[in-house]
């Protein structure tokens, strides 16, 4: 193992070859429809053989997963304690804006990929899974719990909100992202309201769930039937 490979493995950063392949796909996605891009074209753009491509990725979709992890890492490495005193919504706003900044060089490619996903329900479902994983870490970076039933609601709700925000971002020509920031504030405010309601419902339901569980556990077992 080379020093560079060892460093990559220890930090979790993508290898140089992986980075080239990811960059190649994003370049091609900015030029043409995602479903018109072949693995051979990606390998050629990255300057690697098909064998080397296969060593790193089994499909185009897996490259998108690696791209999302790369963006996650950029955001997480830039997360500090400077917003600890802020409200959860404001912390998440900052985290998501930093995510947009990290994605900005690939905006045209990402818009093309999302247009493709709208035409491919199966692929859209797979990308939803990728987005859920990323949003879990965005919530954690903002100091927001993502566990349990309410956590699952937060995650899926944030993925939906993020998709709406991206649709505005793709068309936002303002260098300050005025329209995008307004859309993000609206979506996070709406999400915050829904989460508060869900948390209230969950607190109300917990005693009832505990009572039902206790009743079921204390219920006498019915004797088994015997054949005549």
Protein backbone atom coordinates (compact mmCIF):
# COMPACT_ATOMS: atom_id res chain seq x y z
CA UNK A 1 0.00 0.00 0.00
CA UNK A 2 1.38 3.41 -0.96
CA UNK A 3 1.60 6.32 1.48
CA UNK A 4 -1.19 8.11 -0.44
CA UNK A 5 -3.43 5.05 -0.35
CA UNK A 6 -2.75 4.55 3.35
CA UNK A 7 -3.62 8.18 4.06
CA UNK A 8 -6.82 7.86 2.04
CA UNK A 9 -7.82 4.72 3.92
CA UNK A 10 -7.12 6.28 7.31
CA UNK A 11 -9.11 9.45 6.62
CA UNK A 12 -11.92 7.91 4.61
CA UNK A 13 -11.20 10.31 1.75
CA UNK A 14 -11.76 8.99 -1.80
CA UNK A 15 -8.71 7.72 -3.65
CA UNK A 16 -7.35 9.77 -6.56
CA UNK A 17 -8.76 7.26 -9.04
CA UNK A 18 -12.18 7.37 -7.41
CA UNK A 19 -12.09 11.16 -7.47
CA UNK A 20 -11.26 11.13 -11.19
CA UNK A 21 -14.16 8.79 -11.93
CA UNK A 22 -16.59 10.88 -9.87
CA UNK A 23 -15.40 14.07 -11.60
CA UNK A 24 -15.71 12.40 -15.01
CA UNK A 25 -19.32 11.41 -14.40
CA UNK A 26 -20.26 14.89 -13.21
CA UNK A 27 -18.61 16.47 -16.27
CA UNK A 28 -20.51 14.16 -18.60
CA UNK A 29 -23.80 14.68 -16.72
CA UNK A 30 -23.44 18.43 -17.28
CA UNK A 31 -23.10 17.80 -21.03
CA UNK A 32 -25.78 15.19 -21.71
CA UNK A 33 -28.65 13.19 -20.25
CA UNK A 34 -27.60 10.76 -17.53
CA UNK A 35 -29.12 7.79 -19.34
CA UNK A 36 -26.99 8.58 -22.39
CA UNK A 37 -23.76 8.18 -20.41
CA UNK A 38 -22.07 4.79 -20.59
CA UNK A 39 -19.55 3.29 -18.19
CA UNK A 40 -17.03 3.19 -21.05
CA UNK A 41 -17.46 6.93 -21.60
CA UNK A 42 -16.91 7.62 -17.91
CA UNK A 43 -13.78 5.48 -17.85
CA UNK A 44 -12.41 7.21 -20.95
CA UNK A 45 -13.10 10.67 -19.52
CA UNK A 46 -11.43 9.67 -16.25
CA UNK A 47 -8.45 8.20 -18.10
CA UNK A 48 -8.80 4.74 -16.57
CA UNK A 49 -9.39 1.27 -17.97
CA UNK A 50 -12.70 -0.56 -17.59
CA UNK A 51 -10.90 -3.00 -15.28
CA UNK A 52 -9.80 -0.15 -13.03
CA UNK A 53 -13.29 1.35 -13.14
CA UNK A 54 -14.72 -1.99 -12.02
CA UNK A 55 -12.25 -2.17 -9.15
CA UNK A 56 -13.77 1.01 -7.75
CA UNK A 57 -17.44 1.08 -8.84
CA UNK A 58 -20.00 -1.52 -9.95
CA UNK A 59 -22.34 0.97 -11.65
CA UNK A 60 -23.08 4.61 -12.46
CA UNK A 61 -25.44 4.77 -9.52
CA UNK A 62 -22.68 3.79 -7.11
CA UNK A 63 -20.67 6.79 -8.34
CA UNK A 64 -23.56 9.05 -7.33
CA UNK A 65 -23.45 7.48 -3.88
CA UNK A 66 -19.71 8.19 -3.67
CA UNK A 67 -20.29 11.77 -4.81
CA UNK A 68 -22.86 12.26 -2.05
CA UNK A 69 -20.42 10.88 0.53
CA UNK A 70 -17.75 13.27 -0.75
CA UNK A 71 -20.11 16.22 -0.24
CA UNK A 72 -21.06 14.87 3.20
CA UNK A 73 -17.42 14.85 4.17
CA UNK A 74 -16.82 18.42 3.02
CA UNK A 75 -19.78 19.64 5.07
CA UNK A 76 -18.94 17.59 8.15
CA UNK A 77 -15.30 18.65 8.14
CA UNK A 78 -16.46 22.27 8.07
CA UNK A 79 -18.83 21.85 11.01
CA UNK A 80 -17.71 23.45 14.25
CA UNK A 81 -19.19 24.76 17.48
CA UNK A 82 -19.78 28.30 16.21
CA UNK A 83 -23.56 27.75 16.00
CA UNK A 84 -24.04 25.87 19.28
CA UNK A 85 -26.12 28.68 20.76
CA UNK A 86 -28.44 28.93 17.76
CA UNK A 87 -31.88 27.36 17.34
CA UNK A 88 -31.93 23.91 15.66
CA UNK A 89 -33.57 25.34 12.54
CA UNK A 90 -30.82 27.96 12.19
CA UNK A 91 -28.08 25.36 12.66
CA UNK A 92 -29.63 23.16 9.98
CA UNK A 93 -30.02 26.16 7.68
CA UNK A 94 -26.27 26.82 7.97
CA UNK A 95 -25.37 23.17 7.37
CA UNK A 96 -27.54 22.95 4.24
CA UNK A 97 -26.21 26.21 2.84
CA UNK A 98 -22.68 24.85 3.23
CA UNK A 99 -23.83 21.74 1.40
CA UNK A 100 -25.06 23.88 -1.50
CA UNK A 101 -21.72 25.70 -1.56
CA UNK A 102 -19.91 22.36 -1.82
CA UNK A 103 -22.23 21.23 -4.64
CA UNK A 104 -22.11 24.53 -6.57
CA UNK A 105 -19.41 23.47 -9.11
CA UNK A 106 -21.64 20.55 -10.15
CA UNK A 107 -24.97 22.36 -10.28
CA UNK A 108 -25.62 21.72 -14.00
CA UNK A 109 -24.76 18.03 -13.61
CA UNK A 110 -26.98 17.63 -10.56
CA UNK A 111 -29.91 19.26 -12.33
CA UNK A 112 -29.49 16.84 -15.23
CA UNK A 113 -29.33 13.88 -12.84
CA UNK A 114 -32.50 14.96 -11.03
CA UNK A 115 -34.34 15.37 -14.34
CA UNK A 116 -33.30 11.83 -15.24
CA UNK A 117 -34.44 10.49 -11.84
CA UNK A 118 -37.92 11.95 -12.39
CA UNK A 119 -38.25 9.71 -15.46
CA UNK A 120 -36.91 6.61 -13.67
CA UNK A 121 -38.96 5.68 -10.57
CA UNK A 122 -36.67 2.79 -9.57
CA UNK A 123 -33.60 5.00 -9.79
CA UNK A 124 -35.39 7.77 -7.92
CA UNK A 125 -36.10 5.32 -5.08
CA UNK A 126 -32.40 4.37 -4.95
CA UNK A 127 -31.37 8.04 -4.91
CA UNK A 128 -33.88 8.63 -2.11
CA UNK A 129 -31.93 6.09 -0.05
CA UNK A 130 -28.68 7.93 -0.79
CA UNK A 131 -30.30 11.22 0.20
CA UNK A 132 -31.63 9.74 3.44
CA UNK A 133 -28.13 8.69 4.46
CA UNK A 134 -26.75 12.15 3.69
CA UNK A 135 -29.56 13.99 5.45
CA UNK A 136 -29.04 11.83 8.55
CA UNK A 137 -25.54 13.24 8.85
CA UNK A 138 -26.73 16.77 8.06
CA UNK A 139 -29.17 16.54 10.98
CA UNK A 140 -26.42 15.18 13.22
CA UNK A 141 -24.11 18.02 12.15
CA UNK A 142 -26.85 20.44 13.19
CA UNK A 143 -27.23 18.68 16.55
CA UNK A 144 -30.69 17.33 15.71
CA UNK A 145 -31.70 13.82 16.76
CA UNK A 146 -32.61 11.50 13.89
CA UNK A 147 -33.43 8.29 15.78
CA UNK A 148 -36.74 6.55 16.36
CA UNK A 149 -40.10 7.06 14.70
CA UNK A 150 -39.97 10.85 14.86
CA UNK A 151 -36.38 10.75 13.60
CA UNK A 152 -37.47 8.76 10.55
CA UNK A 153 -40.16 11.36 9.90
CA UNK A 154 -37.56 14.14 10.16
CA UNK A 155 -35.27 12.36 7.72
CA UNK A 156 -37.84 11.69 5.00
CA UNK A 157 -39.37 15.12 5.45
CA UNK A 158 -35.95 16.73 5.09
CA UNK A 159 -35.25 14.75 1.90
CA UNK A 160 -38.51 16.01 0.41
CA UNK A 161 -37.75 19.57 1.52
CA UNK A 162 -34.20 19.29 0.13
CA UNK A 163 -35.56 18.25 -3.26
CA UNK A 164 -37.81 21.32 -3.34
CA UNK A 165 -34.90 23.54 -2.30
CA UNK A 166 -32.69 22.11 -5.05
CA UNK A 167 -35.36 22.79 -7.66
CA UNK A 168 -35.23 26.48 -6.69
CA UNK A 169 -31.42 26.48 -6.46
CA UNK A 170 -31.02 25.13 -9.99
CA UNK A 171 -32.78 28.21 -11.38
CA UNK A 172 -31.43 30.78 -8.90
CA UNK A 173 -29.12 33.14 -10.80
CA UNK A 174 -28.57 35.43 -7.82
CA UNK A 175 -24.98 35.13 -6.57
CA UNK A 176 -26.31 35.48 -3.02
CA UNK A 177 -28.88 32.71 -3.54
CA UNK A 178 -31.73 34.96 -2.39
CA UNK A 179 -34.52 32.79 -3.79
CA UNK A 180 -32.84 29.61 -2.54
CA UNK A 181 -32.43 30.98 0.98
CA UNK A 182 -36.08 32.08 1.03
CA UNK A 183 -37.18 28.61 -0.13
CA UNK A 184 -34.97 26.95 2.48
CA UNK A 185 -36.35 29.13 5.28
CA UNK A 186 -39.91 28.30 4.18
CA UNK A 187 -39.26 24.55 3.96
CA UNK A 188 -37.44 24.34 7.29
CA UNK A 189 -40.12 26.41 9.04
CA UNK A 190 -42.79 24.09 7.67
CA UNK A 191 -40.76 21.03 8.66
CA UNK A 192 -40.14 22.39 12.16
CA UNK A 193 -43.88 22.82 12.67
CA UNK A 194 -44.63 19.28 11.50
CA UNK A 195 -41.88 17.78 13.66
CA UNK A 196 -43.16 19.59 16.76
CA UNK A 197 -46.62 18.15 16.13
CA UNK A 198 -45.17 14.68 15.64
CA UNK A 199 -43.14 14.98 18.85
CA UNK A 200 -46.25 16.07 20.77
CA UNK A 201 -48.18 13.11 19.36
CA UNK A 202 -45.34 10.73 20.19
CA UNK A 203 -45.20 12.00 23.81
CA UNK A 204 -48.97 11.57 24.09
CA UNK A 205 -48.88 8.07 22.59
CA UNK A 206 -45.95 6.68 24.64
CA UNK A 207 -47.96 6.06 27.84
CA UNK A 208 -50.70 4.39 25.81
CA UNK A 209 -48.15 2.20 24.04
CA UNK A 210 -46.64 1.24 27.40
CA UNK A 211 -50.07 0.40 28.81
CA UNK A 212 -50.97 -1.71 25.79
CA UNK A 213 -47.65 -3.55 26.01
CA UNK A 214 -48.12 -4.22 29.71
CA UNK A 215 -51.65 -5.52 29.13
CA UNK A 216 -50.48 -7.86 26.38
CA UNK A 217 -47.60 -9.16 28.51
CA UNK A 218 -49.89 -9.76 31.47
CA UNK A 219 -52.60 -11.47 29.42
CA UNK A 220 -52.93 -15.15 30.40
CA UNK A 221 -52.05 -17.63 27.69
CA UNK A 222 -54.95 -19.63 26.26
CA UNK A 223 -54.45 -23.37 26.69
CA UNK A 224 -53.64 -25.12 23.46
CA UNK A 225 -56.32 -27.23 21.85
CA UNK A 226 -55.91 -30.98 21.84
CA UNK A 227 -57.19 -33.25 19.18
CA UNK A 228 -60.09 -35.45 20.07
